[in-house]
């Protein structure tokens, strides 16, 4: 199996060590190989530690970075080794005021072509690359396992997904693993929406509400699907909605920190040219006049 090359790992180590030596970062979040070759996330504080920094396996770090920054002093500067999906996730978290990009130093690592194929990633590299070289992306419809789930008329698709989602044990693994699922309280724990103790989960309520909630924020990292203990292909839903967002609005989550989501825009202050206000928009509590 192909992995990130030793050269790419050394390039990442050089950048991480440089940030610590020049005191441009107070810590570096990356993977560390510990005792008995156990690999886990670690915050490196000293340049001399960097020799234990590794870049495999692929490990989502954006949510860990968020937790570290939220529990640290406001002036704490954290460098993070980011693949393309981590880079995009941190951009989306910044939009949601969960992190401040000024406190983050991005150490960009490009994924291999093989890794891009495993994740069906269209953009398997971050905005700035310090290790590795950008590889061509893979469109999700190139994979028959995904495209076959999206074929057919609405009734056929609904029956297909109903059968798949019956496997759900409602463990919340998909929610917990997602770097963008940060809402407190979570609607998926609200009795109004999801009946507690009910297995399988209510398909339309649990999975589709979650999918639509992330429709303009999913960065296609695949963490939700990797966390699923019953192998539900939840990324197929997210891939389809990401494509619809791209086709309709030319918008891709995580690529532009300055651009707001077209789904959550303020219709009163940012009306679309040539479009009427949606029927559910009110102005001053009396409706649009």
C-alpha atoms as a PDB file:
ATOM      1  CA  UNK A   1       0.000   0.000   0.000  1.00  0.00           C
ATOM      2  CA  UNK A   2       1.334   3.420  -0.957  1.00  0.00           C
ATOM      3  CA  UNK A   3       1.705   5.993   1.815  1.00  0.00           C
ATOM      4  CA  UNK A   4       3.022   9.518   2.210  1.00  0.00           C
ATOM      5  CA  UNK A   5       6.689   9.396   1.215  1.00  0.00           C
ATOM      6  CA  UNK A   6       9.533   9.767   3.705  1.00  0.00           C
ATOM      7  CA  UNK A   7      10.573  12.908   1.829  1.00  0.00           C
ATOM      8  CA  UNK A   8       7.133  14.465   2.319  1.00  0.00           C
ATOM      9  CA  UNK A   9       7.208  13.613   6.010  1.00  0.00           C
ATOM     10  CA  UNK A  10      10.633  15.247   6.365  1.00  0.00           C
ATOM     11  CA  UNK A  11       9.324  18.373   4.616  1.00  0.00           C
ATOM     12  CA  UNK A  12       6.508  18.556   7.170  1.00  0.00           C
ATOM     13  CA  UNK A  13       8.960  18.045  10.039  1.00  0.00           C
ATOM     14  CA  UNK A  14      11.188  20.840   8.762  1.00  0.00           C
ATOM     15  CA  UNK A  15       8.262  23.270   8.626  1.00  0.00           C
ATOM     16  CA  UNK A  16       7.003  22.241  12.075  1.00  0.00           C
ATOM     17  CA  UNK A  17      10.449  22.562  13.633  1.00  0.00           C
ATOM     18  CA  UNK A  18      10.925  25.959  12.011  1.00  0.00           C
ATOM     19  CA  UNK A  19       7.661  27.296  13.462  1.00  0.00           C
ATOM     20  CA  UNK A  20       8.678  26.232  16.969  1.00  0.00           C
ATOM     21  CA  UNK A  21      12.261  27.453  16.689  1.00  0.00           C
ATOM     22  CA  UNK A  22      11.181  30.864  15.440  1.00  0.00           C
ATOM     23  CA  UNK A  23       8.401  30.932  18.065  1.00  0.00           C
ATOM     24  CA  UNK A  24       5.811  31.519  15.351  1.00  0.00           C
ATOM     25  CA  UNK A  25       3.689  28.833  17.039  1.00  0.00           C
ATOM     26  CA  UNK A  26       3.247  27.770  20.647  1.00  0.00           C
ATOM     27  CA  UNK A  27       2.516  24.194  19.675  1.00  0.00           C
ATOM     28  CA  UNK A  28       2.214  21.910  16.657  1.00  0.00           C
ATOM     29  CA  UNK A  29      -0.728  19.508  16.427  1.00  0.00           C
ATOM     30  CA  UNK A  30       0.238  16.420  14.441  1.00  0.00           C
ATOM     31  CA  UNK A  31       0.555  12.660  14.773  1.00  0.00           C
ATOM     32  CA  UNK A  32       3.297  11.270  17.001  1.00  0.00           C
ATOM     33  CA  UNK A  33       4.709   7.773  16.996  1.00  0.00           C
ATOM     34  CA  UNK A  34       4.942   6.754  20.620  1.00  0.00           C
ATOM     35  CA  UNK A  35       5.866   3.650  22.551  1.00  0.00           C
ATOM     36  CA  UNK A  36       5.358   0.328  20.764  1.00  0.00           C
ATOM     37  CA  UNK A  37       4.750   2.234  17.508  1.00  0.00           C
ATOM     38  CA  UNK A  38       1.395   3.571  18.742  1.00  0.00           C
ATOM     39  CA  UNK A  39       0.376   6.615  16.671  1.00  0.00           C
ATOM     40  CA  UNK A  40      -1.921   9.305  18.099  1.00  0.00           C
ATOM     41  CA  UNK A  41      -2.486  13.088  17.913  1.00  0.00           C
ATOM     42  CA  UNK A  42      -0.035  15.118  19.988  1.00  0.00           C
ATOM     43  CA  UNK A  43       0.809  18.769  20.556  1.00  0.00           C
ATOM     44  CA  UNK A  44       4.555  19.192  20.064  1.00  0.00           C
ATOM     45  CA  UNK A  45       5.979  22.017  22.179  1.00  0.00           C
ATOM     46  CA  UNK A  46       9.729  21.655  21.649  1.00  0.00           C
ATOM     47  CA  UNK A  47      11.716  21.484  18.367  1.00  0.00           C
ATOM     48  CA  UNK A  48      13.599  18.451  19.682  1.00  0.00           C
ATOM     49  CA  UNK A  49      10.372  16.424  19.759  1.00  0.00           C
ATOM     50  CA  UNK A  50       9.659  16.804  16.058  1.00  0.00           C
ATOM     51  CA  UNK A  51      11.657  13.708  15.094  1.00  0.00           C
ATOM     52  CA  UNK A  52       8.701  11.648  16.355  1.00  0.00           C
ATOM     53  CA  UNK A  53       6.202  13.460  14.126  1.00  0.00           C
ATOM     54  CA  UNK A  54       4.621  11.179  11.506  1.00  0.00           C
ATOM     55  CA  UNK A  55       2.074  11.761   8.768  1.00  0.00           C
ATOM     56  CA  UNK A  56       0.351   8.367   8.554  1.00  0.00           C
ATOM     57  CA  UNK A  57      -2.306   7.147   8.880  1.00  0.00           C
ATOM     58  CA  UNK A  58      -4.818   9.721   7.696  1.00  0.00           C
ATOM     59  CA  UNK A  59      -6.297  11.145  10.902  1.00  0.00           C
ATOM     60  CA  UNK A  60      -8.838  14.003  11.052  1.00  0.00           C
ATOM     61  CA  UNK A  61      -7.327  16.767  13.204  1.00  0.00           C
ATOM     62  CA  UNK A  62      -9.625  19.772  12.687  1.00  0.00           C
ATOM     63  CA  UNK A  63     -12.017  19.028  15.552  1.00  0.00           C
ATOM     64  CA  UNK A  64      -9.103  18.275  17.890  1.00  0.00           C
ATOM     65  CA  UNK A  65      -7.541  21.608  16.917  1.00  0.00           C
ATOM     66  CA  UNK A  66     -10.828  23.352  17.703  1.00  0.00           C
ATOM     67  CA  UNK A  67     -11.003  21.789  21.173  1.00  0.00           C
ATOM     68  CA  UNK A  68      -7.399  22.728  21.928  1.00  0.00           C
ATOM     69  CA  UNK A  69      -7.879  26.334  20.851  1.00  0.00           C
ATOM     70  CA  UNK A  70     -11.143  26.689  22.768  1.00  0.00           C
ATOM     71  CA  UNK A  71      -9.465  25.514  25.984  1.00  0.00           C
ATOM     72  CA  UNK A  72      -6.267  27.578  25.533  1.00  0.00           C
ATOM     73  CA  UNK A  73      -5.453  31.238  26.228  1.00  0.00           C
ATOM     74  CA  UNK A  74      -6.802  33.581  23.550  1.00  0.00           C
ATOM     75  CA  UNK A  75      -3.305  34.370  22.259  1.00  0.00           C
ATOM     76  CA  UNK A  76      -2.287  30.704  21.918  1.00  0.00           C
ATOM     77  CA  UNK A  77      -1.005  29.968  18.398  1.00  0.00           C
ATOM     78  CA  UNK A  78      -1.470  26.417  17.191  1.00  0.00           C
ATOM     79  CA  UNK A  79       0.174  25.015  14.079  1.00  0.00           C
ATOM     80  CA  UNK A  80      -1.767  22.104  12.568  1.00  0.00           C
ATOM     81  CA  UNK A  81      -0.621  19.553  10.000  1.00  0.00           C
ATOM     82  CA  UNK A  82      -3.566  19.626   7.605  1.00  0.00           C
ATOM     83  CA  UNK A  83      -4.572  17.545   4.641  1.00  0.00           C
ATOM     84  CA  UNK A  84      -7.035  19.106   2.213  1.00  0.00           C
ATOM     85  CA  UNK A  85     -10.110  18.073   4.206  1.00  0.00           C
ATOM     86  CA  UNK A  86      -8.677  19.360   7.507  1.00  0.00           C
ATOM     87  CA  UNK A  87      -7.830  22.666   5.840  1.00  0.00           C
ATOM     88  CA  UNK A  88     -11.393  22.984   4.539  1.00  0.00           C
ATOM     89  CA  UNK A  89     -12.891  21.963   7.885  1.00  0.00           C
ATOM     90  CA  UNK A  90     -10.965  24.653   9.761  1.00  0.00           C
ATOM     91  CA  UNK A  91     -12.167  27.244   7.239  1.00  0.00           C
ATOM     92  CA  UNK A  92     -15.771  26.190   7.913  1.00  0.00           C
ATOM     93  CA  UNK A  93     -15.222  26.186  11.679  1.00  0.00           C
ATOM     94  CA  UNK A  94     -13.871  29.726  11.433  1.00  0.00           C
ATOM     95  CA  UNK A  95     -17.044  30.783   9.585  1.00  0.00           C
ATOM     96  CA  UNK A  96     -19.021  29.424  12.514  1.00  0.00           C
ATOM     97  CA  UNK A  97     -16.890  31.317  15.056  1.00  0.00           C
ATOM     98  CA  UNK A  98     -15.524  28.093  16.532  1.00  0.00           C
ATOM     99  CA  UNK A  99     -11.889  28.973  15.764  1.00  0.00           C
ATOM    100  CA  UNK A 100      -9.998  32.098  14.745  1.00  0.00           C
ATOM    101  CA  UNK A 101      -7.765  31.590  11.718  1.00  0.00           C
ATOM    102  CA  UNK A 102      -5.307  34.176  13.055  1.00  0.00           C
ATOM    103  CA  UNK A 103      -4.472  31.697  15.835  1.00  0.00           C
ATOM    104  CA  UNK A 104      -3.782  28.851  13.409  1.00  0.00           C
ATOM    105  CA  UNK A 105      -0.633  28.109  11.427  1.00  0.00           C
ATOM    106  CA  UNK A 106      -1.387  25.704   8.574  1.00  0.00           C
ATOM    107  CA  UNK A 107       1.232  23.076   7.681  1.00  0.00           C
ATOM    108  CA  UNK A 108      -0.121  21.659   4.436  1.00  0.00           C
ATOM    109  CA  UNK A 109       0.246  17.998   3.487  1.00  0.00           C
ATOM    110  CA  UNK A 110      -0.919  16.745   0.079  1.00  0.00           C
ATOM    111  CA  UNK A 111      -2.497  13.292  -0.027  1.00  0.00           C
ATOM    112  CA  UNK A 112      -1.280  10.588  -2.371  1.00  0.00           C
ATOM    113  CA  UNK A 113      -3.273   9.676  -5.458  1.00  0.00           C
ATOM    114  CA  UNK A 114      -4.152   6.373  -3.781  1.00  0.00           C
ATOM    115  CA  UNK A 115      -5.537   8.165  -0.714  1.00  0.00           C
ATOM    116  CA  UNK A 116      -7.571  10.478  -2.949  1.00  0.00           C
ATOM    117  CA  UNK A 117      -9.049   7.403  -4.607  1.00  0.00           C
ATOM    118  CA  UNK A 118      -9.968   5.810  -1.285  1.00  0.00           C
ATOM    119  CA  UNK A 119     -11.718   8.987  -0.123  1.00  0.00           C
ATOM    120  CA  UNK A 120     -13.132   9.925  -3.549  1.00  0.00           C
ATOM    121  CA  UNK A 121     -11.645  13.359  -2.896  1.00  0.00           C
ATOM    122  CA  UNK A 122     -11.882  15.969  -5.640  1.00  0.00           C
ATOM    123  CA  UNK A 123      -9.314  18.226  -3.965  1.00  0.00           C
ATOM    124  CA  UNK A 124      -6.808  16.026  -2.066  1.00  0.00           C
ATOM    125  CA  UNK A 125      -4.533  18.874  -1.015  1.00  0.00           C
ATOM    126  CA  UNK A 126      -4.739  22.022   1.161  1.00  0.00           C
ATOM    127  CA  UNK A 127      -4.529  25.634  -0.009  1.00  0.00           C
ATOM    128  CA  UNK A 128      -0.811  25.810   0.827  1.00  0.00           C
ATOM    129  CA  UNK A 129       1.408  22.723   0.543  1.00  0.00           C
ATOM    130  CA  UNK A 130       4.569  22.126   2.592  1.00  0.00           C
ATOM    131  CA  UNK A 131       4.850  18.380   2.087  1.00  0.00           C
ATOM    132  CA  UNK A 132       4.075  16.269  -0.969  1.00  0.00           C
ATOM    133  CA  UNK A 133       2.733  17.307  -4.355  1.00  0.00           C
ATOM    134  CA  UNK A 134      -0.873  17.942  -5.430  1.00  0.00           C
ATOM    135  CA  UNK A 135      -2.432  14.875  -6.999  1.00  0.00           C
ATOM    136  CA  UNK A 136      -5.450  14.701  -9.326  1.00  0.00           C
ATOM    137  CA  UNK A 137      -8.785  14.438  -7.586  1.00  0.00           C
ATOM    138  CA  UNK A 138     -11.512  11.835  -8.028  1.00  0.00           C
ATOM    139  CA  UNK A 139     -15.172  12.613  -8.692  1.00  0.00           C
ATOM    140  CA  UNK A 140     -17.619  10.567  -6.628  1.00  0.00           C
ATOM    141  CA  UNK A 141     -19.599   9.488  -9.702  1.00  0.00           C
ATOM    142  CA  UNK A 142     -16.477   7.694 -10.956  1.00  0.00           C
ATOM    143  CA  UNK A 143     -17.115   5.112  -8.237  1.00  0.00           C
ATOM    144  CA  UNK A 144     -19.911   2.711  -9.157  1.00  0.00           C
ATOM    145  CA  UNK A 145     -20.639   1.938  -5.492  1.00  0.00           C
ATOM    146  CA  UNK A 146     -21.637   5.570  -4.973  1.00  0.00           C
ATOM    147  CA  UNK A 147     -23.255   6.314  -8.333  1.00  0.00           C
ATOM    148  CA  UNK A 148     -25.469   3.229  -8.072  1.00  0.00           C
ATOM    149  CA  UNK A 149     -26.938   4.567  -4.824  1.00  0.00           C
ATOM    150  CA  UNK A 150     -28.060   7.757  -6.561  1.00  0.00           C
ATOM    151  CA  UNK A 151     -29.605   6.217  -9.668  1.00  0.00           C
ATOM    152  CA  UNK A 152     -33.270   5.684 -10.457  1.00  0.00           C
ATOM    153  CA  UNK A 153     -36.446   7.653  -9.851  1.00  0.00           C
ATOM    154  CA  UNK A 154     -37.260   9.115  -6.413  1.00  0.00           C
ATOM    155  CA  UNK A 155     -39.337   6.114  -5.349  1.00  0.00           C
ATOM    156  CA  UNK A 156     -36.560   3.688  -6.210  1.00  0.00           C
ATOM    157  CA  UNK A 157     -33.965   5.763  -4.379  1.00  0.00           C
ATOM    158  CA  UNK A 158     -36.193   6.096  -1.329  1.00  0.00           C
ATOM    159  CA  UNK A 159     -36.733   2.325  -1.138  1.00  0.00           C
ATOM    160  CA  UNK A 160     -33.012   1.701  -1.579  1.00  0.00           C
ATOM    161  CA  UNK A 161     -32.018   4.114   1.164  1.00  0.00           C
ATOM    162  CA  UNK A 162     -34.781   2.913   3.498  1.00  0.00           C
ATOM    163  CA  UNK A 163     -33.281  -0.576   3.334  1.00  0.00           C
ATOM    164  CA  UNK A 164     -29.753   0.729   3.921  1.00  0.00           C
ATOM    165  CA  UNK A 165     -30.670   2.975   6.827  1.00  0.00           C
ATOM    166  CA  UNK A 166     -32.442   0.180   8.680  1.00  0.00           C
ATOM    167  CA  UNK A 167     -28.964  -0.974   9.666  1.00  0.00           C
ATOM    168  CA  UNK A 168     -28.450   2.166  11.764  1.00  0.00           C
ATOM    169  CA  UNK A 169     -28.018   1.553  15.510  1.00  0.00           C
ATOM    170  CA  UNK A 170     -28.104   5.283  16.292  1.00  0.00           C
ATOM    171  CA  UNK A 171     -24.663   5.306  17.923  1.00  0.00           C
ATOM    172  CA  UNK A 172     -24.056   8.958  16.944  1.00  0.00           C
ATOM    173  CA  UNK A 173     -20.657   7.978  15.543  1.00  0.00           C
ATOM    174  CA  UNK A 174     -21.269   9.950  12.347  1.00  0.00           C
ATOM    175  CA  UNK A 175     -22.213  13.058  14.338  1.00  0.00           C
ATOM    176  CA  UNK A 176     -19.317  12.729  16.763  1.00  0.00           C
ATOM    177  CA  UNK A 177     -16.682  12.169  14.049  1.00  0.00           C
ATOM    178  CA  UNK A 178     -17.816  15.028  11.816  1.00  0.00           C
ATOM    179  CA  UNK A 179     -15.534  18.077  12.191  1.00  0.00           C
ATOM    180  CA  UNK A 180     -18.430  20.446  11.431  1.00  0.00           C
ATOM    181  CA  UNK A 181     -21.007  18.933  13.824  1.00  0.00           C
ATOM    182  CA  UNK A 182     -20.503  21.369  16.680  1.00  0.00           C
ATOM    183  CA  UNK A 183     -24.011  22.657  17.504  1.00  0.00           C
ATOM    184  CA  UNK A 184     -24.916  22.804  21.202  1.00  0.00           C
ATOM    185  CA  UNK A 185     -27.515  21.583  21.855  1.00  0.00           C
ATOM    186  CA  UNK A 186     -27.699  19.066  18.996  1.00  0.00           C
ATOM    187  CA  UNK A 187     -31.118  18.678  17.378  1.00  0.00           C
ATOM    188  CA  UNK A 188     -30.460  14.968  16.992  1.00  0.00           C
ATOM    189  CA  UNK A 189     -30.672  14.650  20.777  1.00  0.00           C
ATOM    190  CA  UNK A 190     -33.936  16.588  21.022  1.00  0.00           C
ATOM    191  CA  UNK A 191     -37.050  14.509  21.711  1.00  0.00           C
ATOM    192  CA  UNK A 192     -38.990  16.835  19.422  1.00  0.00           C
ATOM    193  CA  UNK A 193     -37.014  15.488  16.453  1.00  0.00           C
ATOM    194  CA  UNK A 194     -35.563  12.125  17.469  1.00  0.00           C
ATOM    195  CA  UNK A 195     -37.267   9.638  19.786  1.00  0.00           C
ATOM    196  CA  UNK A 196     -34.686   8.465  22.304  1.00  0.00           C
ATOM    197  CA  UNK A 197     -34.158   4.732  22.610  1.00  0.00           C
ATOM    198  CA  UNK A 198     -35.722   4.047  19.215  1.00  0.00           C
ATOM    199  CA  UNK A 199     -33.670   1.714  16.995  1.00  0.00           C
ATOM    200  CA  UNK A 200     -33.387   1.816  14.067  1.00  0.00           C
ATOM    201  CA  UNK A 201     -33.267   5.577  13.958  1.00  0.00           C
ATOM    202  CA  UNK A 202     -36.143   7.327  12.219  1.00  0.00           C
ATOM    203  CA  UNK A 203     -34.747   7.556   8.715  1.00  0.00           C
ATOM    204  CA  UNK A 204     -36.247  10.851   7.574  1.00  0.00           C
ATOM    205  CA  UNK A 205     -35.657  12.551  10.904  1.00  0.00           C
ATOM    206  CA  UNK A 206     -32.228  11.371  11.952  1.00  0.00           C
ATOM    207  CA  UNK A 207     -30.194  10.844   8.770  1.00  0.00           C
ATOM    208  CA  UNK A 208     -31.803  13.253   6.362  1.00  0.00           C
ATOM    209  CA  UNK A 209     -31.980  16.147   8.819  1.00  0.00           C
ATOM    210  CA  UNK A 210     -28.321  15.573   9.622  1.00  0.00           C
ATOM    211  CA  UNK A 211     -27.439  15.423   5.923  1.00  0.00           C
ATOM    212  CA  UNK A 212     -29.338  18.603   5.076  1.00  0.00           C
ATOM    213  CA  UNK A 213     -27.932  20.403   8.110  1.00  0.00           C
ATOM    214  CA  UNK A 214     -24.444  19.790   6.684  1.00  0.00           C
ATOM    215  CA  UNK A 215     -25.383  20.379   3.061  1.00  0.00           C
ATOM    216  CA  UNK A 216     -23.504  23.684   2.817  1.00  0.00           C
ATOM    217  CA  UNK A 217     -20.678  22.790   5.208  1.00  0.00           C
ATOM    218  CA  UNK A 218     -19.587  19.214   4.435  1.00  0.00           C
ATOM    219  CA  UNK A 219     -15.903  19.176   3.447  1.00  0.00           C
ATOM    220  CA  UNK A 220     -16.011  15.555   2.177  1.00  0.00           C
ATOM    221  CA  UNK A 221     -13.507  14.237   4.713  1.00  0.00           C
ATOM    222  CA  UNK A 222     -15.365  10.929   5.037  1.00  0.00           C
ATOM    223  CA  UNK A 223     -14.999  10.808   8.836  1.00  0.00           C
ATOM    224  CA  UNK A 224     -18.717  10.082   9.276  1.00  0.00           C
ATOM    225  CA  UNK A 225     -18.626   7.044   7.040  1.00  0.00           C
ATOM    226  CA  UNK A 226     -15.365   5.747   8.506  1.00  0.00           C
ATOM    227  CA  UNK A 227     -16.904   5.949  11.991  1.00  0.00           C
ATOM    228  CA  UNK A 228     -20.054   4.012  11.083  1.00  0.00           C
ATOM    229  CA  UNK A 229     -19.949   0.543  12.702  1.00  0.00           C
ATOM    230  CA  UNK A 230     -22.523  -0.867  10.253  1.00  0.00           C
ATOM    231  CA  UNK A 231     -20.984   0.570   7.064  1.00  0.00           C
ATOM    232  CA  UNK A 232     -23.783   2.891   5.993  1.00  0.00           C
ATOM    233  CA  UNK A 233     -22.533   4.863   2.933  1.00  0.00           C
ATOM    234  CA  UNK A 234     -23.559   8.232   4.374  1.00  0.00           C
ATOM    235  CA  UNK A 235     -21.056  10.096   2.191  1.00  0.00           C
ATOM    236  CA  UNK A 236     -23.138   9.336  -0.898  1.00  0.00           C
ATOM    237  CA  UNK A 237     -25.809  11.703   0.423  1.00  0.00           C
ATOM    238  CA  UNK A 238     -23.237  14.385   1.208  1.00  0.00           C
ATOM    239  CA  UNK A 239     -21.508  14.025  -2.167  1.00  0.00           C
ATOM    240  CA  UNK A 240     -24.817  14.552  -3.960  1.00  0.00           C
ATOM    241  CA  UNK A 241     -25.677  17.676  -1.984  1.00  0.00           C
ATOM    242  CA  UNK A 242     -22.160  19.112  -2.394  1.00  0.00           C
ATOM    243  CA  UNK A 243     -22.546  18.666  -6.156  1.00  0.00           C
ATOM    244  CA  UNK A 244     -25.967  20.358  -6.155  1.00  0.00           C
ATOM    245  CA  UNK A 245     -24.498  23.290  -4.234  1.00  0.00           C
ATOM    246  CA  UNK A 246     -21.637  23.552  -6.718  1.00  0.00           C
ATOM    247  CA  UNK A 247     -23.907  23.309  -9.773  1.00  0.00           C
ATOM    248  CA  UNK A 248     -26.505  25.792  -8.486  1.00  0.00           C
ATOM    249  CA  UNK A 249     -24.316  28.370  -6.763  1.00  0.00           C
ATOM    250  CA  UNK A 250     -20.719  27.652  -7.784  1.00  0.00           C
ATOM    251  CA  UNK A 251     -19.985  27.200  -4.083  1.00  0.00           C
ATOM    252  CA  UNK A 252     -17.782  24.601  -2.400  1.00  0.00           C
ATOM    253  CA  UNK A 253     -17.525  24.508   1.404  1.00  0.00           C
ATOM    254  CA  UNK A 254     -14.099  25.160   2.860  1.00  0.00           C
ATOM    255  CA  UNK A 255     -12.492  26.815  -0.139  1.00  0.00           C
ATOM    256  CA  UNK A 256     -13.313  30.463   0.536  1.00  0.00           C
ATOM    257  CA  UNK A 257     -13.303  31.756   4.074  1.00  0.00           C
ATOM    258  CA  UNK A 258     -14.662  35.140   3.047  1.00  0.00           C
ATOM    259  CA  UNK A 259     -17.699  33.886   1.144  1.00  0.00           C
ATOM    260  CA  UNK A 260     -20.870  33.127   3.065  1.00  0.00           C
ATOM    261  CA  UNK A 261     -22.973  30.085   2.413  1.00  0.00           C
ATOM    262  CA  UNK A 262     -25.574  30.729  -0.307  1.00  0.00           C
ATOM    263  CA  UNK A 263     -27.966  28.479   1.613  1.00  0.00           C
ATOM    264  CA  UNK A 264     -27.826  30.481   4.843  1.00  0.00           C
ATOM    265  CA  UNK A 265     -27.668  33.940   3.327  1.00  0.00           C
ATOM    266  CA  UNK A 266     -29.666  36.820   4.721  1.00  0.00           C
ATOM    267  CA  UNK A 267     -32.439  37.216   2.148  1.00  0.00           C
ATOM    268  CA  UNK A 268     -33.342  40.705   3.341  1.00  0.00           C
ATOM    269  CA  UNK A 269     -29.842  42.179   3.193  1.00  0.00           C
ATOM    270  CA  UNK A 270     -28.491  40.044   0.333  1.00  0.00           C
ATOM    271  CA  UNK A 271     -31.403  39.398  -2.063  1.00  0.00           C
ATOM    272  CA  UNK A 272     -30.493  37.577  -5.268  1.00  0.00           C
ATOM    273  CA  UNK A 273     -30.814  39.639  -8.417  1.00  0.00           C
ATOM    274  CA  UNK A 274     -34.027  38.804 -10.229  1.00  0.00           C
ATOM    275  CA  UNK A 275     -35.320  36.639  -7.370  1.00  0.00           C
ATOM    276  CA  UNK A 276     -38.379  37.276  -5.207  1.00  0.00           C
ATOM    277  CA  UNK A 277     -38.190  36.935  -1.454  1.00  0.00           C
ATOM    278  CA  UNK A 278     -39.073  33.395  -0.319  1.00  0.00           C
ATOM    279  CA  UNK A 279     -42.649  33.144   0.955  1.00  0.00           C
ATOM    280  CA  UNK A 280     -41.465  32.391   4.485  1.00  0.00           C
ATOM    281  CA  UNK A 281     -39.391  35.590   4.817  1.00  0.00           C
ATOM    282  CA  UNK A 282     -40.937  38.307   6.952  1.00  0.00           C
ATOM    283  CA  UNK A 283     -39.987  41.939   7.216  1.00  0.00           C
ATOM    284  CA  UNK A 284     -40.647  43.630  10.539  1.00  0.00           C
ATOM    285  CA  UNK A 285     -43.003  40.803  11.481  1.00  0.00           C
ATOM    286  CA  UNK A 286     -45.595  41.788   8.837  1.00  0.00           C
ATOM    287  CA  UNK A 287     -44.214  40.188   5.699  1.00  0.00           C
ATOM    288  CA  UNK A 288     -42.247  41.761   2.860  1.00  0.00           C
ATOM    289  CA  UNK A 289     -43.762  44.930   1.542  1.00  0.00           C
END
